[in-house]
């Protein structure tokens, strides 16, 4: 069998994408799956002894600086970056205005690198 014959036999046996009622139902089901979205303001590292000394009013310094973009993480993967914005002053709610969508290869690399550490 030549390379061309292999390609045509593979194409002949593959199922059509979309167009069926079952495919649409599956797509709708997938769209309803909940995911966890987190906005990471920053990270730090500290010994357990320092962690045990924390109390009400303690300030933990993070590796992010004021004004730097925050990471938007979905199910453990960085998918975007953005700026913290006030959504509703009356209820003291804030949100994130997306400034960058992270490509999947960049998100995988950033997530596998783990959190960076900052000196306390």
PDB file of N, CA and C in Angstrom:
ATOM      1  N   UNK A   1       0.846  -1.168   0.000  1.00  0.00           N
ATOM      2  CA  UNK A   1       0.000   0.000   0.000  1.00  0.00           C
ATOM      3  C   UNK A   1       0.891   1.231   0.000  1.00  0.00           C
ATOM      4  N   UNK A   2       0.587   2.229  -0.826  1.00  0.00           N
ATOM      5  CA  UNK A   2       1.389   3.448  -0.896  1.00  0.00           C
ATOM      6  C   UNK A   2       0.892   4.443   0.136  1.00  0.00           C
ATOM      7  N   UNK A   3       1.661   5.512   0.332  1.00  0.00           N
ATOM      8  CA  UNK A   3       1.270   6.553   1.284  1.00  0.00           C
ATOM      9  C   UNK A   3      -0.048   7.190   0.913  1.00  0.00           C
ATOM     10  N   UNK A   4      -0.333   7.361  -0.391  1.00  0.00           N
ATOM     11  CA  UNK A   4      -1.588   7.968  -0.832  1.00  0.00           C
ATOM     12  C   UNK A   4      -2.780   7.086  -0.518  1.00  0.00           C
ATOM     13  N   UNK A   5      -2.609   5.761  -0.673  1.00  0.00           N
ATOM     14  CA  UNK A   5      -3.706   4.854  -0.382  1.00  0.00           C
ATOM     15  C   UNK A   5      -4.030   4.868   1.116  1.00  0.00           C
ATOM     16  N   UNK A   6      -2.978   4.967   1.959  1.00  0.00           N
ATOM     17  CA  UNK A   6      -3.222   5.011   3.394  1.00  0.00           C
ATOM     18  C   UNK A   6      -4.027   6.249   3.776  1.00  0.00           C
ATOM     19  N   UNK A   7      -3.684   7.364   3.196  1.00  0.00           N
ATOM     20  CA  UNK A   7      -4.382   8.603   3.512  1.00  0.00           C
ATOM     21  C   UNK A   7      -5.836   8.520   3.094  1.00  0.00           C
ATOM     22  N   UNK A   8      -6.110   7.956   1.906  1.00  0.00           N
ATOM     23  CA  UNK A   8      -7.489   7.891   1.444  1.00  0.00           C
ATOM     24  C   UNK A   8      -8.298   6.900   2.262  1.00  0.00           C
ATOM     25  N   UNK A   9      -7.697   5.802   2.721  1.00  0.00           N
ATOM     26  CA  UNK A   9      -8.450   4.858   3.524  1.00  0.00           C
ATOM     27  C   UNK A   9      -8.745   5.446   4.904  1.00  0.00           C
ATOM     28  N   UNK A  10      -7.839   6.251   5.428  1.00  0.00           N
ATOM     29  CA  UNK A  10      -8.083   6.903   6.708  1.00  0.00           C
ATOM     30  C   UNK A  10      -9.213   7.907   6.579  1.00  0.00           C
ATOM     31  N   UNK A  11      -9.208   8.670   5.496  1.00  0.00           N
ATOM     32  CA  UNK A  11     -10.244   9.657   5.267  1.00  0.00           C
ATOM     33  C   UNK A  11     -11.602   8.989   5.106  1.00  0.00           C
ATOM     34  N   UNK A  12     -11.647   7.848   4.430  1.00  0.00           N
ATOM     35  CA  UNK A  12     -12.906   7.160   4.172  1.00  0.00           C
ATOM     36  C   UNK A  12     -13.526   6.626   5.452  1.00  0.00           C
ATOM     37  N   UNK A  13     -12.706   6.296   6.461  1.00  0.00           N
ATOM     38  CA  UNK A  13     -13.258   5.704   7.676  1.00  0.00           C
ATOM     39  C   UNK A  13     -13.541   6.722   8.771  1.00  0.00           C
ATOM     40  N   UNK A  14     -13.115   7.966   8.582  1.00  0.00           N
ATOM     41  CA  UNK A  14     -13.336   8.947   9.646  1.00  0.00           C
ATOM     42  C   UNK A  14     -14.788   9.408   9.640  1.00  0.00           C
ATOM     43  N   UNK A  15     -15.310   9.696  10.823  1.00  0.00           N
ATOM     44  CA  UNK A  15     -16.704  10.107  10.967  1.00  0.00           C
ATOM     45  C   UNK A  15     -16.848  11.584  10.634  1.00  0.00           C
ATOM     46  N   UNK A  16     -17.997  11.989  10.098  1.00  0.00           N
ATOM     47  CA  UNK A  16     -18.211  13.408   9.809  1.00  0.00           C
ATOM     48  C   UNK A  16     -18.264  14.220  11.095  1.00  0.00           C
ATOM     49  N   UNK A  17     -17.762  15.446  11.018  1.00  0.00           N
ATOM     50  CA  UNK A  17     -17.751  16.324  12.179  1.00  0.00           C
ATOM     51  C   UNK A  17     -18.971  17.222  12.124  1.00  0.00           C
ATOM     52  N   UNK A  18     -19.734  17.282  13.207  1.00  0.00           N
ATOM     53  CA  UNK A  18     -20.904  18.155  13.275  1.00  0.00           C
ATOM     54  C   UNK A  18     -22.012  17.703  12.351  1.00  0.00           C
ATOM     55  N   UNK A  19     -23.058  18.486  12.293  1.00  0.00           N
ATOM     56  CA  UNK A  19     -24.134  18.199  11.370  1.00  0.00           C
ATOM     57  C   UNK A  19     -25.169  17.233  11.907  1.00  0.00           C
ATOM     58  N   UNK A  20     -24.886  16.487  12.949  1.00  0.00           N
ATOM     59  CA  UNK A  20     -25.866  15.554  13.479  1.00  0.00           C
ATOM     60  C   UNK A  20     -26.498  16.134  14.744  1.00  0.00           C
ATOM     61  N   UNK A  21     -27.693  15.653  15.054  1.00  0.00           N
ATOM     62  CA  UNK A  21     -28.375  16.114  16.261  1.00  0.00           C
ATOM     63  C   UNK A  21     -27.613  15.673  17.502  1.00  0.00           C
ATOM     64  N   UNK A  22     -27.021  14.465  17.451  1.00  0.00           N
ATOM     65  CA  UNK A  22     -26.233  13.979  18.586  1.00  0.00           C
ATOM     66  C   UNK A  22     -25.014  14.870  18.804  1.00  0.00           C
ATOM     67  N   UNK A  23     -24.371  15.304  17.728  1.00  0.00           N
ATOM     68  CA  UNK A  23     -23.206  16.184  17.840  1.00  0.00           C
ATOM     69  C   UNK A  23     -23.574  17.506  18.479  1.00  0.00           C
ATOM     70  N   UNK A  24     -24.707  18.063  18.104  1.00  0.00           N
ATOM     71  CA  UNK A  24     -25.165  19.326  18.675  1.00  0.00           C
ATOM     72  C   UNK A  24     -25.504  19.150  20.153  1.00  0.00           C
ATOM     73  N   UNK A  25     -26.122  18.040  20.503  1.00  0.00           N
ATOM     74  CA  UNK A  25     -26.468  17.773  21.902  1.00  0.00           C
ATOM     75  C   UNK A  25     -25.200  17.617  22.728  1.00  0.00           C
ATOM     76  N   UNK A  26     -24.199  16.908  22.190  1.00  0.00           N
ATOM     77  CA  UNK A  26     -22.939  16.746  22.901  1.00  0.00           C
ATOM     78  C   UNK A  26     -22.250  18.086  23.094  1.00  0.00           C
ATOM     79  N   UNK A  27     -22.282  18.921  22.069  1.00  0.00           N
ATOM     80  CA  UNK A  27     -21.671  20.244  22.142  1.00  0.00           C
ATOM     81  C   UNK A  27     -22.343  21.073  23.227  1.00  0.00           C
ATOM     82  N   UNK A  28     -23.665  21.050  23.273  1.00  0.00           N
ATOM     83  CA  UNK A  28     -24.400  21.788  24.297  1.00  0.00           C
ATOM     84  C   UNK A  28     -24.074  21.256  25.688  1.00  0.00           C
ATOM     85  N   UNK A  29     -23.914  19.951  25.817  1.00  0.00           N
ATOM     86  CA  UNK A  29     -23.554  19.350  27.100  1.00  0.00           C
ATOM     87  C   UNK A  29     -22.180  19.811  27.532  1.00  0.00           C
ATOM     88  N   UNK A  30     -21.244  19.842  26.623  1.00  0.00           N
ATOM     89  CA  UNK A  30     -19.880  20.280  26.924  1.00  0.00           C
ATOM     90  C   UNK A  30     -19.883  21.740  27.365  1.00  0.00           C
ATOM     91  N   UNK A  31     -20.665  22.580  26.718  1.00  0.00           N
ATOM     92  CA  UNK A  31     -20.725  23.997  27.073  1.00  0.00           C
ATOM     93  C   UNK A  31     -21.268  24.233  28.476  1.00  0.00           C
ATOM     94  N   UNK A  32     -21.982  23.249  29.037  1.00  0.00           N
ATOM     95  CA  UNK A  32     -22.562  23.392  30.373  1.00  0.00           C
ATOM     96  C   UNK A  32     -21.643  22.884  31.481  1.00  0.00           C
ATOM     97  N   UNK A  33     -20.479  22.329  31.135  1.00  0.00           N
ATOM     98  CA  UNK A  33     -19.558  21.809  32.149  1.00  0.00           C
ATOM     99  C   UNK A  33     -18.965  22.974  32.932  1.00  0.00           C
ATOM    100  N   UNK A  34     -19.080  22.947  34.258  1.00  0.00           N
ATOM    101  CA  UNK A  34     -18.522  24.046  35.058  1.00  0.00           C
ATOM    102  C   UNK A  34     -16.991  23.954  35.123  1.00  0.00           C
ATOM    103  N   UNK A  35     -16.350  25.091  35.133  1.00  0.00           N
ATOM    104  CA  UNK A  35     -14.905  25.168  35.296  1.00  0.00           C
ATOM    105  C   UNK A  35     -14.610  26.144  36.429  1.00  0.00           C
ATOM    106  N   UNK A  36     -13.461  25.983  37.043  1.00  0.00           N
ATOM    107  CA  UNK A  36     -13.049  26.882  38.116  1.00  0.00           C
ATOM    108  C   UNK A  36     -12.191  27.983  37.528  1.00  0.00           C
ATOM    109  N   UNK A  37     -12.600  29.224  37.736  1.00  0.00           N
ATOM    110  CA  UNK A  37     -11.848  30.381  37.252  1.00  0.00           C
ATOM    111  C   UNK A  37     -11.275  31.098  38.465  1.00  0.00           C
ATOM    112  N   UNK A  38      -9.962  31.336  38.432  1.00  0.00           N
ATOM    113  CA  UNK A  38      -9.298  32.045  39.517  1.00  0.00           C
ATOM    114  C   UNK A  38      -8.516  33.207  38.934  1.00  0.00           C
ATOM    115  N   UNK A  39      -8.444  34.282  39.694  1.00  0.00           N
ATOM    116  CA  UNK A  39      -7.610  35.417  39.333  1.00  0.00           C
ATOM    117  C   UNK A  39      -6.502  35.462  40.371  1.00  0.00           C
ATOM    118  N   UNK A  40      -5.268  35.299  39.900  1.00  0.00           N
ATOM    119  CA  UNK A  40      -4.128  35.224  40.813  1.00  0.00           C
ATOM    120  C   UNK A  40      -3.479  36.596  40.907  1.00  0.00           C
ATOM    121  N   UNK A  41      -3.594  37.193  42.082  1.00  0.00           N
ATOM    122  CA  UNK A  41      -3.010  38.509  42.314  1.00  0.00           C
ATOM    123  C   UNK A  41      -1.508  38.428  42.521  1.00  0.00           C
ATOM    124  N   UNK A  42      -1.013  37.300  42.926  1.00  0.00           N
ATOM    125  CA  UNK A  42       0.412  37.111  43.147  1.00  0.00           C
ATOM    126  C   UNK A  42       0.656  35.907  44.028  1.00  0.00           C
ATOM    127  N   UNK A  43       1.917  35.577  44.198  1.00  0.00           N
ATOM    128  CA  UNK A  43       2.298  34.445  45.036  1.00  0.00           C
ATOM    129  C   UNK A  43       3.491  34.835  45.889  1.00  0.00           C
ATOM    130  N   UNK A  44       3.760  34.016  46.869  1.00  0.00           N
ATOM    131  CA  UNK A  44       4.954  34.181  47.693  1.00  0.00           C
ATOM    132  C   UNK A  44       5.287  32.843  48.309  1.00  0.00           C
ATOM    133  N   UNK A  45       6.439  32.765  48.903  1.00  0.00           N
ATOM    134  CA  UNK A  45       6.872  31.557  49.590  1.00  0.00           C
ATOM    135  C   UNK A  45       7.360  31.961  50.969  1.00  0.00           C
ATOM    136  N   UNK A  46       7.008  31.155  51.975  1.00  0.00           N
ATOM    137  CA  UNK A  46       7.459  31.457  53.330  1.00  0.00           C
ATOM    138  C   UNK A  46       7.560  30.165  54.115  1.00  0.00           C
ATOM    139  N   UNK A  47       8.433  30.164  55.122  1.00  0.00           N
ATOM    140  CA  UNK A  47       8.537  28.971  55.969  1.00  0.00           C
ATOM    141  C   UNK A  47       7.270  28.790  56.794  1.00  0.00           C
ATOM    142  N   UNK A  48       7.024  27.570  57.190  1.00  0.00           N
ATOM    143  CA  UNK A  48       5.841  27.260  57.998  1.00  0.00           C
ATOM    144  C   UNK A  48       5.846  28.085  59.289  1.00  0.00           C
ATOM    145  N   UNK A  49       7.023  28.296  59.880  1.00  0.00           N
ATOM    146  CA  UNK A  49       7.103  29.068  61.120  1.00  0.00           C
ATOM    147  C   UNK A  49       6.552  30.474  60.923  1.00  0.00           C
ATOM    148  N   UNK A  50       6.865  31.102  59.793  1.00  0.00           N
ATOM    149  CA  UNK A  50       6.338  32.448  59.507  1.00  0.00           C
ATOM    150  C   UNK A  50       4.838  32.395  59.267  1.00  0.00           C
ATOM    151  N   UNK A  51       4.395  31.364  58.590  1.00  0.00           N
ATOM    152  CA  UNK A  51       2.972  31.196  58.320  1.00  0.00           C
ATOM    153  C   UNK A  51       2.198  31.054  59.630  1.00  0.00           C
ATOM    154  N   UNK A  52       2.762  30.329  60.584  1.00  0.00           N
ATOM    155  CA  UNK A  52       2.102  30.105  61.877  1.00  0.00           C
ATOM    156  C   UNK A  52       1.998  31.385  62.691  1.00  0.00           C
ATOM    157  N   UNK A  53       2.859  32.360  62.432  1.00  0.00           N
ATOM    158  CA  UNK A  53       2.855  33.621  63.184  1.00  0.00           C
ATOM    159  C   UNK A  53       1.859  34.636  62.620  1.00  0.00           C
ATOM    160  N   UNK A  54       1.277  34.352  61.455  1.00  0.00           N
ATOM    161  CA  UNK A  54       0.345  35.300  60.848  1.00  0.00           C
ATOM    162  C   UNK A  54      -0.920  35.405  61.678  1.00  0.00           C
ATOM    163  N   UNK A  55      -1.427  36.599  61.739  1.00  0.00           N
ATOM    164  CA  UNK A  55      -2.672  36.833  62.467  1.00  0.00           C
ATOM    165  C   UNK A  55      -3.465  37.917  61.772  1.00  0.00           C
ATOM    166  N   UNK A  56      -4.568  38.272  62.374  1.00  0.00           N
ATOM    167  CA  UNK A  56      -5.429  39.309  61.817  1.00  0.00           C
ATOM    168  C   UNK A  56      -4.623  40.590  61.610  1.00  0.00           C
ATOM    169  N   UNK A  57      -4.749  41.167  60.431  1.00  0.00           N
ATOM    170  CA  UNK A  57      -4.059  42.406  60.109  1.00  0.00           C
ATOM    171  C   UNK A  57      -2.666  42.207  59.511  1.00  0.00           C
ATOM    172  N   UNK A  58      -2.195  40.961  59.479  1.00  0.00           N
ATOM    173  CA  UNK A  58      -0.877  40.701  58.897  1.00  0.00           C
ATOM    174  C   UNK A  58      -0.923  40.974  57.396  1.00  0.00           C
ATOM    175  N   UNK A  59       0.166  41.465  56.862  1.00  0.00           N
ATOM    176  CA  UNK A  59       0.262  41.741  55.426  1.00  0.00           C
ATOM    177  C   UNK A  59       1.257  40.759  54.832  1.00  0.00           C
ATOM    178  N   UNK A  60       0.840  40.091  53.774  1.00  0.00           N
ATOM    179  CA  UNK A  60       1.709  39.152  53.075  1.00  0.00           C
ATOM    180  C   UNK A  60       2.122  39.810  51.767  1.00  0.00           C
ATOM    181  N   UNK A  61       3.431  40.045  51.599  1.00  0.00           N
ATOM    182  CA  UNK A  61       3.939  40.658  50.373  1.00  0.00           C
ATOM    183  C   UNK A  61       3.936  39.618  49.252  1.00  0.00           C
ATOM    184  N   UNK A  62       3.412  40.020  48.095  1.00  0.00           N
ATOM    185  CA  UNK A  62       3.342  39.131  46.934  1.00  0.00           C
ATOM    186  C   UNK A  62       4.375  39.540  45.894  1.00  0.00           C
ATOM    187  N   UNK A  63       4.598  38.645  44.921  1.00  0.00           N
ATOM    188  CA  UNK A  63       5.589  38.922  43.880  1.00  0.00           C
ATOM    189  C   UNK A  63       5.084  39.891  42.817  1.00  0.00           C
ATOM    190  N   UNK A  64       3.794  40.140  42.748  1.00  0.00           N
ATOM    191  CA  UNK A  64       3.235  41.082  41.774  1.00  0.00           C
ATOM    192  C   UNK A  64       3.351  42.504  42.292  1.00  0.00           C
ATOM    193  N   UNK A  65       3.566  43.433  41.386  1.00  0.00           N
ATOM    194  CA  UNK A  65       3.588  44.848  41.747  1.00  0.00           C
ATOM    195  C   UNK A  65       2.244  45.478  41.370  1.00  0.00           C
ATOM    196  N   UNK A  66       1.905  46.563  42.044  1.00  0.00           N
ATOM    197  CA  UNK A  66       0.676  47.285  41.743  1.00  0.00           C
ATOM    198  C   UNK A  66       0.729  47.722  40.274  1.00  0.00           C
ATOM    199  N   UNK A  67      -0.342  47.470  39.545  1.00  0.00           N
ATOM    200  CA  UNK A  67      -0.414  47.868  38.144  1.00  0.00           C
ATOM    201  C   UNK A  67       0.012  46.787  37.167  1.00  0.00           C
ATOM    202  N   UNK A  68       0.685  45.728  37.636  1.00  0.00           N
ATOM    203  CA  UNK A  68       1.060  44.627  36.743  1.00  0.00           C
ATOM    204  C   UNK A  68      -0.170  43.780  36.448  1.00  0.00           C
ATOM    205  N   UNK A  69      -0.213  43.156  35.265  1.00  0.00           N
ATOM    206  CA  UNK A  69      -1.360  42.305  34.948  1.00  0.00           C
ATOM    207  C   UNK A  69      -1.448  41.106  35.898  1.00  0.00           C
ATOM    208  N   UNK A  70      -2.670  40.678  36.171  1.00  0.00           N
ATOM    209  CA  UNK A  70      -2.909  39.492  36.981  1.00  0.00           C
ATOM    210  C   UNK A  70      -3.214  38.329  36.050  1.00  0.00           C
ATOM    211  N   UNK A  71      -2.962  37.116  36.510  1.00  0.00           N
ATOM    212  CA  UNK A  71      -3.226  35.923  35.711  1.00  0.00           C
ATOM    213  C   UNK A  71      -4.649  35.431  35.935  1.00  0.00           C
ATOM    214  N   UNK A  72      -5.304  35.052  34.841  1.00  0.00           N
ATOM    215  CA  UNK A  72      -6.618  34.420  34.907  1.00  0.00           C
ATOM    216  C   UNK A  72      -6.372  32.935  34.651  1.00  0.00           C
ATOM    217  N   UNK A  73      -6.719  32.113  35.632  1.00  0.00           N
ATOM    218  CA  UNK A  73      -6.421  30.683  35.595  1.00  0.00           C
ATOM    219  C   UNK A  73      -7.729  29.908  35.534  1.00  0.00           C
ATOM    220  N   UNK A  74      -7.840  28.999  34.556  1.00  0.00           N
ATOM    221  CA  UNK A  74      -9.018  28.148  34.423  1.00  0.00           C
ATOM    222  C   UNK A  74      -8.564  26.699  34.573  1.00  0.00           C
ATOM    223  N   UNK A  75      -9.111  26.033  35.578  1.00  0.00           N
ATOM    224  CA  UNK A  75      -8.750  24.643  35.872  1.00  0.00           C
ATOM    225  C   UNK A  75      -7.242  24.435  35.914  1.00  0.00           C
ATOM    226  N   UNK A  76      -6.525  25.355  36.548  1.00  0.00           N
ATOM    227  CA  UNK A  76      -5.094  25.208  36.740  1.00  0.00           C
ATOM    228  C   UNK A  76      -4.217  25.704  35.602  1.00  0.00           C
ATOM    229  N   UNK A  77      -4.802  26.237  34.532  1.00  0.00           N
ATOM    230  CA  UNK A  77      -4.026  26.730  33.398  1.00  0.00           C
ATOM    231  C   UNK A  77      -4.239  28.227  33.204  1.00  0.00           C
ATOM    232  N   UNK A  78      -3.153  28.942  32.979  1.00  0.00           N
ATOM    233  CA  UNK A  78      -3.261  30.370  32.702  1.00  0.00           C
ATOM    234  C   UNK A  78      -3.838  30.531  31.301  1.00  0.00           C
ATOM    235  N   UNK A  79      -4.978  31.211  31.195  1.00  0.00           N
ATOM    236  CA  UNK A  79      -5.621  31.399  29.899  1.00  0.00           C
ATOM    237  C   UNK A  79      -5.621  32.852  29.453  1.00  0.00           C
ATOM    238  N   UNK A  80      -5.417  33.768  30.412  1.00  0.00           N
ATOM    239  CA  UNK A  80      -5.451  35.187  30.062  1.00  0.00           C
ATOM    240  C   UNK A  80      -4.747  35.988  31.146  1.00  0.00           C
ATOM    241  N   UNK A  81      -4.508  37.259  30.825  1.00  0.00           N
ATOM    242  CA  UNK A  81      -3.982  38.223  31.789  1.00  0.00           C
ATOM    243  C   UNK A  81      -4.845  39.467  31.688  1.00  0.00           C
ATOM    244  N   UNK A  82      -4.901  40.215  32.773  1.00  0.00           N
ATOM    245  CA  UNK A  82      -5.727  41.408  32.736  1.00  0.00           C
ATOM    246  C   UNK A  82      -5.434  42.351  33.875  1.00  0.00           C
ATOM    247  N   UNK A  83      -6.179  43.450  33.876  1.00  0.00           N
ATOM    248  CA  UNK A  83      -6.035  44.492  34.886  1.00  0.00           C
ATOM    249  C   UNK A  83      -7.221  44.431  35.840  1.00  0.00           C
ATOM    250  N   UNK A  84      -6.944  44.633  37.112  1.00  0.00           N
ATOM    251  CA  UNK A  84      -8.000  44.664  38.113  1.00  0.00           C
ATOM    252  C   UNK A  84      -8.772  45.966  37.938  1.00  0.00           C
ATOM    253  N   UNK A  85     -10.108  45.863  37.883  1.00  0.00           N
ATOM    254  CA  UNK A  85     -10.969  47.034  37.711  1.00  0.00           C
ATOM    255  C   UNK A  85     -12.099  46.986  38.731  1.00  0.00           C
ATOM    256  N   UNK A  86     -12.658  48.142  39.041  1.00  0.00           N
ATOM    257  CA  UNK A  86     -13.824  48.223  39.917  1.00  0.00           C
ATOM    258  C   UNK A  86     -15.059  47.971  39.065  1.00  0.00           C
ATOM    259  N   UNK A  87     -15.854  46.983  39.468  1.00  0.00           N
ATOM    260  CA  UNK A  87     -17.072  46.645  38.737  1.00  0.00           C
ATOM    261  C   UNK A  87     -18.248  47.444  39.279  1.00  0.00           C
ATOM    262  N   UNK A  88     -18.350  47.516  40.596  1.00  0.00           N
ATOM    263  CA  UNK A  88     -19.466  48.206  41.230  1.00  0.00           C
ATOM    264  C   UNK A  88     -18.993  48.801  42.550  1.00  0.00           C
ATOM    265  N   UNK A  89     -18.814  50.108  42.561  1.00  0.00           N
ATOM    266  CA  UNK A  89     -18.312  50.772  43.777  1.00  0.00           C
ATOM    267  C   UNK A  89     -19.277  50.623  44.943  1.00  0.00           C
ATOM    268  N   UNK A  90     -20.578  50.651  44.667  1.00  0.00           N
ATOM    269  CA  UNK A  90     -21.574  50.579  45.732  1.00  0.00           C
ATOM    270  C   UNK A  90     -21.456  49.284  46.526  1.00  0.00           C
ATOM    271  N   UNK A  91     -21.180  48.174  45.837  1.00  0.00           N
ATOM    272  CA  UNK A  91     -21.081  46.890  46.541  1.00  0.00           C
ATOM    273  C   UNK A  91     -19.624  46.474  46.745  1.00  0.00           C
ATOM    274  N   UNK A  92     -18.685  47.376  46.429  1.00  0.00           N
ATOM    275  CA  UNK A  92     -17.255  47.109  46.599  1.00  0.00           C
ATOM    276  C   UNK A  92     -16.806  45.846  45.866  1.00  0.00           C
ATOM    277  N   UNK A  93     -17.301  45.669  44.646  1.00  0.00           N
ATOM    278  CA  UNK A  93     -16.929  44.496  43.841  1.00  0.00           C
ATOM    279  C   UNK A  93     -15.914  44.909  42.788  1.00  0.00           C
ATOM    280  N   UNK A  94     -14.971  44.017  42.536  1.00  0.00           N
ATOM    281  CA  UNK A  94     -14.021  44.287  41.467  1.00  0.00           C
ATOM    282  C   UNK A  94     -13.953  43.092  40.545  1.00  0.00           C
ATOM    283  N   UNK A  95     -13.334  43.286  39.395  1.00  0.00           N
ATOM    284  CA  UNK A  95     -13.225  42.237  38.391  1.00  0.00           C
ATOM    285  C   UNK A  95     -11.919  42.380  37.646  1.00  0.00           C
ATOM    286  N   UNK A  96     -11.832  41.742  36.499  1.00  0.00           N
ATOM    287  CA  UNK A  96     -10.622  41.782  35.680  1.00  0.00           C
ATOM    288  C   UNK A  96     -11.006  42.143  34.261  1.00  0.00           C
ATOM    289  N   UNK A  97     -10.331  43.150  33.722  1.00  0.00           N
ATOM    290  CA  UNK A  97     -10.484  43.517  32.320  1.00  0.00           C
ATOM    291  C   UNK A  97      -9.367  42.800  31.563  1.00  0.00           C
ATOM    292  N   UNK A  98      -9.729  41.871  30.683  1.00  0.00           N
ATOM    293  CA  UNK A  98      -8.735  41.066  29.973  1.00  0.00           C
ATOM    294  C   UNK A  98      -7.941  41.925  28.998  1.00  0.00           C
ATOM    295  N   UNK A  99      -6.630  41.798  29.068  1.00  0.00           N
ATOM    296  CA  UNK A  99      -5.747  42.540  28.168  1.00  0.00           C
ATOM    297  C   UNK A  99      -4.977  41.620  27.244  1.00  0.00           C
ATOM    298  N   UNK A 100      -4.918  40.325  27.581  1.00  0.00           N
ATOM    299  CA  UNK A 100      -4.152  39.365  26.776  1.00  0.00           C
ATOM    300  C   UNK A 100      -4.754  37.976  26.931  1.00  0.00           C
ATOM    301  N   UNK A 101      -4.967  37.302  25.812  1.00  0.00           N
ATOM    302  CA  UNK A 101      -5.358  35.898  25.829  1.00  0.00           C
ATOM    303  C   UNK A 101      -4.080  35.105  25.610  1.00  0.00           C
ATOM    304  N   UNK A 102      -3.792  34.171  26.497  1.00  0.00           N
ATOM    305  CA  UNK A 102      -2.544  33.417  26.448  1.00  0.00           C
ATOM    306  C   UNK A 102      -2.718  32.198  25.550  1.00  0.00           C
ATOM    307  N   UNK A 103      -1.800  32.017  24.600  1.00  0.00           N
ATOM    308  CA  UNK A 103      -1.825  30.847  23.725  1.00  0.00           C
ATOM    309  C   UNK A 103      -1.644  29.596  24.567  1.00  0.00           C
ATOM    310  N   UNK A 104      -2.226  28.482  24.145  1.00  0.00           N
ATOM    311  CA  UNK A 104      -2.193  27.270  24.963  1.00  0.00           C
ATOM    312  C   UNK A 104      -0.773  26.798  25.240  1.00  0.00           C
ATOM    313  N   UNK A 105       0.163  26.918  24.307  1.00  0.00           N
ATOM    314  CA  UNK A 105       1.536  26.478  24.571  1.00  0.00           C
ATOM    315  C   UNK A 105       2.195  27.383  25.613  1.00  0.00           C
ATOM    316  N   UNK A 106       1.919  28.689  25.577  1.00  0.00           N
ATOM    317  CA  UNK A 106       2.456  29.609  26.582  1.00  0.00           C
ATOM    318  C   UNK A 106       1.839  29.329  27.947  1.00  0.00           C
ATOM    319  N   UNK A 107       0.546  29.014  27.968  1.00  0.00           N
ATOM    320  CA  UNK A 107      -0.136  28.736  29.230  1.00  0.00           C
ATOM    321  C   UNK A 107       0.423  27.463  29.849  1.00  0.00           C
ATOM    322  N   UNK A 108       0.679  26.452  29.032  1.00  0.00           N
ATOM    323  CA  UNK A 108       1.239  25.207  29.543  1.00  0.00           C
ATOM    324  C   UNK A 108       2.616  25.444  30.131  1.00  0.00           C
ATOM    325  N   UNK A 109       3.446  26.232  29.452  1.00  0.00           N
ATOM    326  CA  UNK A 109       4.790  26.522  29.940  1.00  0.00           C
ATOM    327  C   UNK A 109       4.740  27.316  31.236  1.00  0.00           C
ATOM    328  N   UNK A 110       3.874  28.307  31.318  1.00  0.00           N
ATOM    329  CA  UNK A 110       3.781  29.146  32.521  1.00  0.00           C
ATOM    330  C   UNK A 110       3.261  28.337  33.701  1.00  0.00           C
ATOM    331  N   UNK A 111       2.274  27.480  33.449  1.00  0.00           N
ATOM    332  CA  UNK A 111       1.708  26.683  34.525  1.00  0.00           C
ATOM    333  C   UNK A 111       2.702  25.642  35.020  1.00  0.00           C
ATOM    334  N   UNK A 112       3.498  25.064  34.124  1.00  0.00           N
ATOM    335  CA  UNK A 112       4.448  24.035  34.544  1.00  0.00           C
ATOM    336  C   UNK A 112       5.637  24.651  35.264  1.00  0.00           C
ATOM    337  N   UNK A 113       5.886  25.947  35.038  1.00  0.00           N
ATOM    338  CA  UNK A 113       7.006  26.612  35.715  1.00  0.00           C
ATOM    339  C   UNK A 113       6.711  26.788  37.197  1.00  0.00           C
ATOM    340  N   UNK A 114       5.445  26.792  37.564  1.00  0.00           N
ATOM    341  CA  UNK A 114       5.057  26.930  38.972  1.00  0.00           C
ATOM    342  C   UNK A 114       5.136  28.373  39.412  1.00  0.00           C
ATOM    343  N   UNK A 115       4.711  28.625  40.641  1.00  0.00           N
ATOM    344  CA  UNK A 115       4.716  29.991  41.151  1.00  0.00           C
ATOM    345  C   UNK A 115       6.139  30.466  41.403  1.00  0.00           C
ATOM    346  N   UNK A 116       6.356  31.727  41.128  1.00  0.00           N
ATOM    347  CA  UNK A 116       7.673  32.284  41.433  1.00  0.00           C
ATOM    348  C   UNK A 116       7.695  32.681  42.892  1.00  0.00           C
ATOM    349  N   UNK A 117       8.876  32.843  43.419  1.00  0.00           N
ATOM    350  CA  UNK A 117       8.984  33.186  44.830  1.00  0.00           C
ATOM    351  C   UNK A 117       9.470  34.590  44.998  1.00  0.00           C
ATOM    352  N   UNK A 118       9.118  35.194  46.108  1.00  0.00           N
ATOM    353  CA  UNK A 118       9.557  36.554  46.412  1.00  0.00           C
ATOM    354  C   UNK A 118      10.155  36.562  47.808  1.00  0.00           C
ATOM    355  N   UNK A 119      11.157  37.376  47.986  1.00  0.00           N
ATOM    356  CA  UNK A 119      11.772  37.475  49.308  1.00  0.00           C
ATOM    357  C   UNK A 119      10.831  38.203  50.253  1.00  0.00           C
ATOM    358  N   UNK A 120      10.788  37.758  51.493  1.00  0.00           N
ATOM    359  CA  UNK A 120       9.898  38.390  52.477  1.00  0.00           C
ATOM    360  C   UNK A 120      10.606  39.498  53.186  1.00  0.00           C
TER     361      UNK A 120
END
